[in-house]
Amino acid sequence: MLSTELIAIFDEMDALTRQQPGGSQQQMRMNYLLAKASAFRDEVRRENKSVRPSDVELRAWQKFFRDGIGGVIETREVPEGTGNPIQALTMTGNLGHFVPTEFFREFLPMTMKAHDPLFDPEVVTFLKTPHGRPIQCPVFSDVKEVAVVIGEGYQSPTTLNPAALSAVPLLAWTYRTPYWGVSMEAEQDLDQTFSTVELFKAFVGDRLARGVGKDLMTGNGLSKPTGLLTQLKNLGVATIIAVGSKDYTGGTETGANSLGPTDYNNLFYSIEPQYRNSPRCFWLMTDETLYALSKLISKQGLPVVTLVDGIHTIMGKPVKTSPSMDQIGANKYPVLFGDFKYWVTRQVIADGYIRRSTELPGFAENGAAALQAFARFDGTLLFKDSLQSSPFISANHSTPLRLLQNAGA
């Protein structure tokens, strides 16, 4: 199906061809429209290539839906110049487990990042590991330790400061989705199977992103990850206390029920310039908080939130939204700001699988199988020091990430 924008391009091209020749300006416009239509075509080709699974994978899904015969399907690289990568299916008998490795390795992270930026490799440090064993991640947040000049004949010390070897642990917690029903009379037509598979993949990505994303943000560490906000609080990272938007709007708002430019300014400059200048420096808040701020207009008619190339920005930095952040309210933490390179999200690729059950109430009597997806995740901050000073927060450190907190009621 053609997009509205592509249809508009074709309509304008058709109108130009019906006009009398209009010189160089008309020709330049036609060349521009042709180039734009070509770009759309190439994008559609790329999307179709990446979204549609191969027939090998679709037939494997069919056997799993219908017979419960599980297996592992993976894309195998071939030596350069000897052909395209191939897909191979290893069937493992009627075990009810299916492992589409390409789905867990590529499609799942791409789907989950649409729900929460903590799964976006362009926002956070995203680590895919082939195993779920505990690992140690070195911390690297100390911007005060810099290179120094040395003289000729300098000899490296034989001992290192233990702080230079500091690391934080990264585990792997197992998550499962709710049940999703599929007819055991699996479709024979691959196009129908493709539609069913895509619906299931979207369901898995949505449910995992919501469950895992909440724990990665606010988890308490008891049989689940210790979330980003929880870790910041445990480290004793001082928050910026909101004063509200009253001085900006001339209204009656307070720091308990609103946020204003003074709050964002204080939060912005409480972060070291080295972190603010990072390409992964963002504001993080809920969509509702962003909506509230987008309506905030000063007495002089100036907005807090501006659009730059379709991206919401505050003080020149992009805004990302997460459903797991607090809403604006007394003593809440509605905004996080800083360099998200210092948060790592871990996904264990090899341990993801899909399980099929046929005897659950509500499914068996309707000729349906129940599918569940299982995947493993964890996350941690890549810093744990609290010794750096900040000119805006007395006797506290300037960490790569900091929270804005509403005042008490």
Protein backbone atom coordinates (compact mmCIF):
# COMPACT_ATOMS: atom_id res chain seq x y z
CA MET A 1 0.00 0.00 0.00
CA LEU A 2 1.38 3.41 -0.97
CA SER A 3 1.91 5.98 1.76
CA THR A 4 0.04 9.29 1.73
CA GLU A 5 3.30 11.17 1.14
CA LEU A 6 4.28 8.98 -1.81
CA ILE A 7 0.83 9.42 -3.38
CA ALA A 8 1.22 13.20 -3.02
CA ILE A 9 4.58 13.01 -4.81
CA PHE A 10 3.06 11.09 -7.70
CA ASP A 11 0.15 13.55 -7.93
CA GLU A 12 2.50 16.53 -8.14
CA MET A 13 4.66 14.77 -10.76
CA ASP A 14 1.53 14.06 -12.81
CA ALA A 15 0.45 17.70 -12.56
CA LEU A 16 3.88 18.91 -13.70
CA THR A 17 3.81 16.69 -16.78
CA ARG A 18 0.46 18.21 -17.79
CA GLN A 19 1.79 21.78 -17.63
CA GLN A 20 3.44 23.73 -20.39
CA PRO A 21 7.25 23.63 -20.15
CA GLY A 22 8.26 26.12 -17.49
CA GLY A 23 12.03 26.30 -17.70
CA SER A 24 14.71 25.31 -15.23
CA GLN A 25 12.62 25.76 -12.06
CA GLN A 26 10.04 23.25 -13.25
CA GLN A 27 12.76 20.79 -14.27
CA MET A 28 14.52 21.17 -10.91
CA ARG A 29 11.26 20.44 -9.09
CA MET A 30 10.66 17.34 -11.22
CA ASN A 31 14.20 16.07 -10.53
CA TYR A 32 13.65 16.59 -6.81
CA LEU A 33 10.39 14.63 -6.85
CA LEU A 34 11.99 11.79 -8.84
CA ALA A 35 14.82 11.56 -6.32
CA LYS A 36 12.37 11.56 -3.41
CA ALA A 37 10.24 8.82 -4.99
CA SER A 38 13.38 6.75 -5.56
CA ALA A 39 14.36 7.11 -1.90
CA PHE A 40 10.91 5.90 -0.86
CA ARG A 41 11.26 2.89 -3.15
CA ASP A 42 14.65 1.93 -1.70
CA GLU A 43 13.31 2.29 1.85
CA VAL A 44 10.35 0.01 1.08
CA ARG A 45 12.70 -2.58 -0.39
CA ARG A 46 14.89 -2.51 2.72
CA GLU A 47 11.90 -2.82 5.04
CA ASN A 48 10.41 -5.72 3.09
CA LYS A 49 13.75 -7.53 3.07
CA SER A 50 14.23 -7.16 6.82
CA VAL A 51 10.65 -7.90 7.92
CA ARG A 52 9.62 -10.90 5.81
CA PRO A 53 11.20 -14.13 7.12
CA SER A 54 12.48 -16.74 4.69
CA ASP A 55 10.32 -19.68 3.62
CA VAL A 56 12.58 -21.93 5.73
CA GLU A 57 11.67 -19.99 8.86
CA LEU A 58 7.96 -19.73 8.01
CA ARG A 59 7.69 -23.50 7.46
CA ALA A 60 9.42 -24.03 10.80
CA TRP A 61 6.81 -21.80 12.48
CA GLN A 62 4.07 -23.81 10.74
CA LYS A 63 5.36 -27.12 12.13
CA PHE A 64 5.63 -25.61 15.58
CA PHE A 65 2.09 -24.19 15.51
CA ARG A 66 0.58 -27.41 14.17
CA ASP A 67 2.63 -30.26 15.65
CA GLY A 68 4.65 -28.68 18.45
CA ILE A 69 7.87 -29.87 16.82
CA GLY A 70 10.51 -27.51 18.07
CA GLY A 71 13.95 -26.71 16.85
CA VAL A 72 16.59 -24.07 16.36
CA ILE A 73 16.59 -21.92 13.25
CA GLU A 74 19.56 -19.68 12.63
CA THR A 75 21.22 -17.66 9.91
CA ARG A 76 24.70 -18.97 9.12
CA GLU A 77 27.28 -16.69 7.59
CA VAL A 78 29.22 -17.97 4.59
CA PRO A 79 32.73 -16.92 3.52
CA GLU A 80 32.87 -13.65 1.63
CA GLY A 81 32.40 -14.09 -2.09
CA THR A 82 30.85 -17.57 -1.88
CA GLY A 83 27.21 -16.54 -1.73
CA ASN A 84 24.55 -15.10 0.57
CA PRO A 85 24.04 -16.10 4.22
CA ILE A 86 21.82 -19.19 4.52
CA GLN A 87 19.25 -20.29 7.05
CA ALA A 88 19.37 -23.77 8.55
CA LEU A 89 16.80 -25.51 10.72
CA THR A 90 17.77 -28.10 13.30
CA MET A 91 14.70 -30.02 14.49
CA THR A 92 14.88 -31.48 17.99
CA GLY A 93 11.78 -33.67 18.19
CA ASN A 94 8.40 -33.09 19.80
CA LEU A 95 9.70 -31.05 22.71
CA GLY A 96 7.39 -28.05 22.39
CA HIS A 97 10.31 -25.60 22.36
CA PHE A 98 11.20 -23.42 19.39
CA VAL A 99 14.26 -21.16 19.07
CA PRO A 100 14.13 -18.69 16.15
CA THR A 101 17.52 -17.15 16.86
CA GLU A 102 17.14 -14.30 14.36
CA PHE A 103 13.99 -13.20 16.18
CA PHE A 104 15.71 -13.01 19.58
CA ARG A 105 18.93 -11.56 18.22
CA GLU A 106 17.60 -8.90 15.82
CA PHE A 107 13.83 -8.47 15.72
CA LEU A 108 13.11 -8.48 19.47
CA PRO A 109 15.52 -5.63 20.42
CA MET A 110 14.25 -3.59 17.45
CA THR A 111 10.64 -4.05 18.62
CA MET A 112 11.35 -3.38 22.29
CA LYS A 113 13.19 -0.12 21.69
CA ALA A 114 9.96 1.33 20.27
CA HIS A 115 8.42 0.95 23.74
CA ASP A 116 11.32 2.03 25.95
CA PRO A 117 14.67 3.72 25.15
CA LEU A 118 16.43 1.44 27.66
CA PHE A 119 16.38 -1.14 24.83
CA ASP A 120 17.70 1.25 22.17
CA PRO A 121 21.40 0.70 21.29
CA GLU A 122 21.56 4.32 20.11
CA VAL A 123 20.57 5.57 23.57
CA VAL A 124 22.11 3.16 26.09
CA THR A 125 25.00 0.72 26.03
CA PHE A 126 23.24 -2.43 24.78
CA LEU A 127 25.07 -5.68 25.43
CA LYS A 128 24.10 -8.96 23.75
CA THR A 129 25.77 -11.99 25.31
CA PRO A 130 25.73 -15.65 24.19
CA HIS A 131 25.39 -16.88 27.79
CA GLY A 132 23.68 -15.85 31.00
CA ARG A 133 26.58 -16.22 33.41
CA PRO A 134 27.28 -13.29 35.78
CA ILE A 135 29.80 -10.89 34.30
CA GLN A 136 31.71 -7.90 35.64
CA CYS A 137 31.40 -4.57 33.80
CA PRO A 138 34.21 -2.06 34.39
CA VAL A 139 33.08 1.40 35.42
CA PHE A 140 34.42 4.40 33.52
CA SER A 141 32.67 7.52 34.75
CA ASP A 142 35.54 9.45 36.32
CA VAL A 143 36.06 12.48 34.08
CA LYS A 144 38.55 14.02 36.53
CA GLU A 145 41.26 11.42 35.88
CA VAL A 146 43.02 12.55 32.70
CA ALA A 147 46.20 11.80 30.75
CA VAL A 148 49.40 13.42 32.09
CA VAL A 149 52.74 14.16 30.48
CA ILE A 150 55.67 11.94 31.40
CA GLY A 151 59.40 12.32 31.02
CA GLU A 152 61.93 10.17 29.17
CA GLY A 153 62.70 6.88 30.87
CA TYR A 154 59.38 6.82 32.71
CA GLN A 155 58.61 3.44 34.28
CA SER A 156 55.02 2.31 34.84
CA PRO A 157 54.13 1.57 38.47
CA THR A 158 54.05 -2.09 39.45
CA THR A 159 50.84 -1.64 41.42
CA LEU A 160 47.53 -0.07 40.49
CA ASN A 161 45.09 1.92 42.54
CA PRO A 162 42.23 -0.51 43.38
CA ALA A 163 39.74 2.14 42.25
CA ALA A 164 41.10 1.73 38.72
CA LEU A 165 39.96 -1.90 38.77
CA SER A 166 36.44 -1.12 39.91
CA ALA A 167 33.60 -3.06 38.26
CA VAL A 168 29.87 -3.64 38.70
CA PRO A 169 28.12 -7.03 38.38
CA LEU A 170 25.69 -7.79 35.58
CA LEU A 171 23.33 -10.77 35.96
CA ALA A 172 20.56 -12.27 33.79
CA TRP A 173 16.94 -12.52 34.95
CA THR A 174 14.44 -14.75 33.13
CA TYR A 175 11.14 -13.25 31.94
CA ARG A 176 8.12 -14.90 30.35
CA THR A 177 5.26 -13.39 28.42
CA PRO A 178 1.55 -14.10 29.01
CA TYR A 179 0.00 -16.89 26.93
CA TRP A 180 -0.88 -16.18 23.31
CA GLY A 181 -3.27 -18.51 21.49
CA VAL A 182 -2.80 -19.91 17.97
CA SER A 183 -4.93 -22.43 16.07
CA MET A 184 -3.41 -25.92 15.95
CA GLU A 185 -4.76 -26.19 12.41
CA ALA A 186 -1.88 -24.13 11.17
CA GLU A 187 -2.25 -22.27 7.92
CA GLN A 188 -0.77 -24.02 4.89
CA ASP A 189 -0.33 -20.77 3.00
CA LEU A 190 2.96 -19.06 3.89
CA ASP A 191 1.42 -15.59 3.58
CA GLN A 192 -1.16 -16.46 6.25
CA THR A 193 1.56 -17.94 8.43
CA PHE A 194 3.58 -14.77 7.97
CA SER A 195 0.67 -12.66 9.28
CA THR A 196 0.26 -14.93 12.32
CA VAL A 197 3.99 -14.89 13.06
CA GLU A 198 4.16 -11.10 12.81
CA LEU A 199 1.25 -10.68 15.22
CA PHE A 200 2.92 -13.02 17.70
CA LYS A 201 6.28 -11.25 17.39
CA ALA A 202 4.64 -7.88 18.02
CA PHE A 203 2.84 -9.33 21.06
CA VAL A 204 6.09 -10.73 22.48
CA GLY A 205 8.02 -7.50 21.95
CA ASP A 206 5.28 -5.41 23.58
CA ARG A 207 4.82 -7.61 26.65
CA LEU A 208 8.54 -8.10 27.29
CA ALA A 209 9.30 -4.41 26.84
CA ARG A 210 6.61 -3.40 29.33
CA GLY A 211 7.58 -5.95 31.97
CA VAL A 212 11.36 -5.84 31.63
CA GLY A 213 11.43 -2.08 31.04
CA LYS A 214 9.60 -1.37 34.30
CA ASP A 215 12.05 -3.49 36.29
CA LEU A 216 15.08 -1.98 34.55
CA MET A 217 13.80 1.43 35.62
CA THR A 218 12.34 0.88 39.10
CA GLY A 219 13.13 -2.73 40.14
CA ASN A 220 14.10 -3.19 43.80
CA GLY A 221 16.66 -5.96 43.23
CA LEU A 222 14.64 -8.62 45.08
CA SER A 223 14.39 -11.53 42.61
CA LYS A 224 14.50 -8.99 39.80
CA PRO A 225 16.92 -6.36 38.44
CA THR A 226 17.86 -3.31 40.47
CA GLY A 227 16.46 -0.52 38.33
CA LEU A 228 18.20 2.60 37.10
CA LEU A 229 16.27 4.94 39.40
CA THR A 230 16.77 2.60 42.35
CA GLN A 231 20.52 2.45 41.75
CA LEU A 232 20.79 6.23 41.57
CA LYS A 233 18.99 6.53 44.90
CA ASN A 234 21.11 3.78 46.46
CA LEU A 235 24.27 5.61 45.40
CA GLY A 236 23.04 8.71 47.20
CA VAL A 237 23.00 10.82 44.03
CA ALA A 238 21.43 14.12 45.05
CA THR A 239 18.33 15.15 43.12
CA ILE A 240 17.30 18.58 41.88
CA ILE A 241 14.21 19.66 43.83
CA ALA A 242 11.64 21.38 41.63
CA VAL A 243 10.44 24.92 42.34
CA GLY A 244 7.67 24.69 39.73
CA SER A 245 6.52 26.81 36.83
CA LYS A 246 4.81 29.69 38.69
CA ASP A 247 7.51 32.25 37.87
CA TYR A 248 7.31 31.25 34.20
CA THR A 249 3.55 31.20 33.72
CA GLY A 250 2.44 33.72 36.33
CA GLY A 251 0.03 31.12 37.74
CA THR A 252 -0.30 29.36 41.10
CA GLU A 253 1.70 26.19 40.35
CA THR A 254 4.12 24.81 42.95
CA GLY A 255 7.15 22.53 42.90
CA ALA A 256 4.89 19.68 44.03
CA ASN A 257 2.56 19.76 41.03
CA SER A 258 4.57 21.33 38.20
CA LEU A 259 7.99 21.71 36.58
CA GLY A 260 9.43 24.89 35.15
CA PRO A 261 12.42 26.25 33.21
CA THR A 262 14.36 26.93 36.42
CA ASP A 263 14.14 23.23 37.27
CA TYR A 264 15.41 22.15 33.85
CA ASN A 265 18.17 24.73 33.92
CA ASN A 266 19.37 23.52 37.33
CA LEU A 267 19.23 19.88 36.25
CA PHE A 268 21.00 20.61 32.95
CA TYR A 269 23.95 22.38 34.57
CA SER A 270 24.30 19.88 37.42
CA ILE A 271 25.75 17.46 34.85
CA GLU A 272 29.41 17.79 33.81
CA PRO A 273 29.93 19.32 30.32
CA GLN A 274 31.73 16.14 29.22
CA TYR A 275 28.50 14.21 29.81
CA ARG A 276 26.19 16.91 28.40
CA ASN A 277 28.16 16.98 25.16
CA SER A 278 27.75 13.25 24.62
CA PRO A 279 25.63 12.18 21.62
CA ARG A 280 23.75 9.96 24.09
CA CYS A 281 22.74 12.79 26.40
CA PHE A 282 18.93 12.91 26.66
CA TRP A 283 15.99 13.93 28.81
CA LEU A 284 13.82 10.99 29.88
CA MET A 285 10.19 11.29 31.03
CA THR A 286 6.75 9.83 30.42
CA ASP A 287 4.74 10.83 27.39
CA GLU A 288 2.24 12.50 29.74
CA THR A 289 4.98 14.65 31.29
CA LEU A 290 6.21 15.63 27.84
CA TYR A 291 2.65 16.56 26.85
CA ALA A 292 2.27 18.74 29.95
CA LEU A 293 5.55 20.52 29.23
CA SER A 294 4.70 21.00 25.55
CA LYS A 295 1.69 23.08 26.64
CA LEU A 296 3.78 25.24 28.96
CA ILE A 297 4.07 28.76 27.54
CA SER A 298 5.76 31.67 29.27
CA LYS A 299 4.21 35.08 29.89
CA GLN A 300 6.22 36.20 26.87
CA GLY A 301 4.80 33.40 24.71
CA LEU A 302 7.96 31.22 24.75
CA PRO A 303 7.66 27.39 24.92
CA VAL A 304 9.69 25.08 27.15
CA VAL A 305 9.68 22.28 24.57
CA THR A 306 10.72 22.99 20.99
CA LEU A 307 10.58 20.80 17.88
CA VAL A 308 13.79 20.39 15.90
CA ASP A 309 13.42 18.27 12.75
CA GLY A 310 10.41 16.58 14.32
CA ILE A 311 12.25 15.78 17.58
CA HIS A 312 11.15 17.24 20.93
CA THR A 313 14.02 19.08 22.59
CA ILE A 314 14.62 20.99 25.84
CA MET A 315 17.65 23.30 25.98
CA GLY A 316 18.84 21.74 22.74
CA LYS A 317 18.84 18.15 24.01
CA PRO A 318 16.44 15.48 22.69
CA VAL A 319 13.59 14.16 24.83
CA LYS A 320 12.97 10.40 25.08
CA THR A 321 9.84 8.93 26.66
CA SER A 322 9.50 5.88 28.89
CA PRO A 323 6.25 4.53 30.39
CA SER A 324 8.20 3.47 33.50
CA MET A 325 9.12 6.96 34.72
CA ASP A 326 7.08 8.74 37.42
CA GLN A 327 4.33 11.19 36.56
CA ILE A 328 4.50 14.75 37.92
CA GLY A 329 3.37 14.73 41.57
CA ALA A 330 4.49 15.42 45.12
CA ASN A 331 7.83 13.72 45.93
CA LYS A 332 7.88 11.97 42.53
CA TYR A 333 10.85 11.67 40.14
CA PRO A 334 9.39 12.60 36.74
CA VAL A 335 12.55 13.55 34.80
CA LEU A 336 15.98 11.97 34.32
CA PHE A 337 18.77 13.73 32.45
CA GLY A 338 22.30 12.88 31.43
CA ASP A 339 24.54 10.60 29.42
CA PHE A 340 22.77 7.25 29.01
CA LYS A 341 25.95 5.64 27.76
CA TYR A 342 26.53 4.94 31.45
CA TRP A 343 23.59 2.55 31.62
CA VAL A 344 24.04 -0.92 30.13
CA THR A 345 21.13 -3.19 29.21
CA ARG A 346 22.03 -6.86 28.81
CA GLN A 347 20.14 -9.37 26.67
CA VAL A 348 21.11 -13.05 26.67
CA ILE A 349 20.67 -14.17 23.07
CA ALA A 350 21.20 -17.92 23.41
CA ASP A 351 18.63 -18.43 26.19
CA GLY A 352 15.57 -17.07 24.39
CA TYR A 353 12.96 -19.60 23.31
CA ILE A 354 9.23 -20.10 22.68
CA ARG A 355 7.23 -22.83 24.46
CA ARG A 356 4.00 -24.42 23.20
CA SER A 357 1.32 -25.93 25.48
CA THR A 358 -1.86 -27.69 24.29
CA GLU A 359 -3.68 -28.72 27.45
CA LEU A 360 -4.36 -25.44 29.21
CA PRO A 361 -7.99 -24.61 30.08
CA GLY A 362 -9.54 -22.26 27.57
CA PHE A 363 -7.14 -23.30 24.82
CA ALA A 364 -7.46 -27.09 24.37
CA GLU A 365 -11.26 -27.10 24.05
CA ASN A 366 -11.01 -24.43 21.35
CA GLY A 367 -8.42 -26.27 19.27
CA ALA A 368 -5.73 -23.75 20.14
CA ALA A 369 -2.19 -23.99 21.41
CA ALA A 370 -0.81 -21.58 24.01
CA LEU A 371 2.53 -19.95 23.22
CA GLN A 372 4.88 -18.24 25.66
CA ALA A 373 8.19 -16.54 24.98
CA PHE A 374 11.08 -16.63 27.46
CA ALA A 375 14.02 -14.21 27.46
CA ARG A 376 16.72 -13.03 29.88
CA PHE A 377 17.69 -9.43 30.67
CA ASP A 378 19.48 -7.28 33.22
CA GLY A 379 20.94 -3.80 33.48
CA THR A 380 23.25 -1.69 35.60
CA LEU A 381 24.83 1.72 35.92
CA LEU A 382 28.43 1.90 34.72
CA PHE A 383 29.57 4.09 37.58
CA LYS A 384 29.45 3.87 41.35
CA ASP A 385 31.68 6.67 42.66
CA SER A 386 30.35 9.56 44.73
CA LEU A 387 33.38 11.79 45.20
CA GLN A 388 33.08 14.43 42.49
CA SER A 389 31.88 17.92 43.33
CA SER A 390 29.27 19.96 41.50
CA PRO A 391 29.02 23.76 41.53
CA PHE A 392 25.21 23.41 41.70
CA ILE A 393 24.94 20.78 44.43
CA SER A 394 27.10 21.40 47.46
CA ALA A 395 29.19 18.52 48.82
CA ASN A 396 27.89 16.03 46.24
CA HIS A 397 29.19 14.42 43.10
CA SER A 398 28.40 15.22 39.49
CA THR A 399 27.33 11.90 38.06
CA PRO A 400 26.56 11.21 34.39
CA LEU A 401 22.84 10.92 35.24
CA ARG A 402 20.66 12.85 37.67
CA LEU A 403 16.98 13.03 38.64
CA LEU A 404 14.58 15.94 38.93
CA GLN A 405 12.28 15.51 41.93
CA ASN A 406 9.00 17.23 42.70
CA ALA A 407 8.80 18.97 46.07
CA GLY A 408 6.64 17.56 48.86
CA ALA A 409 3.02 18.58 49.12
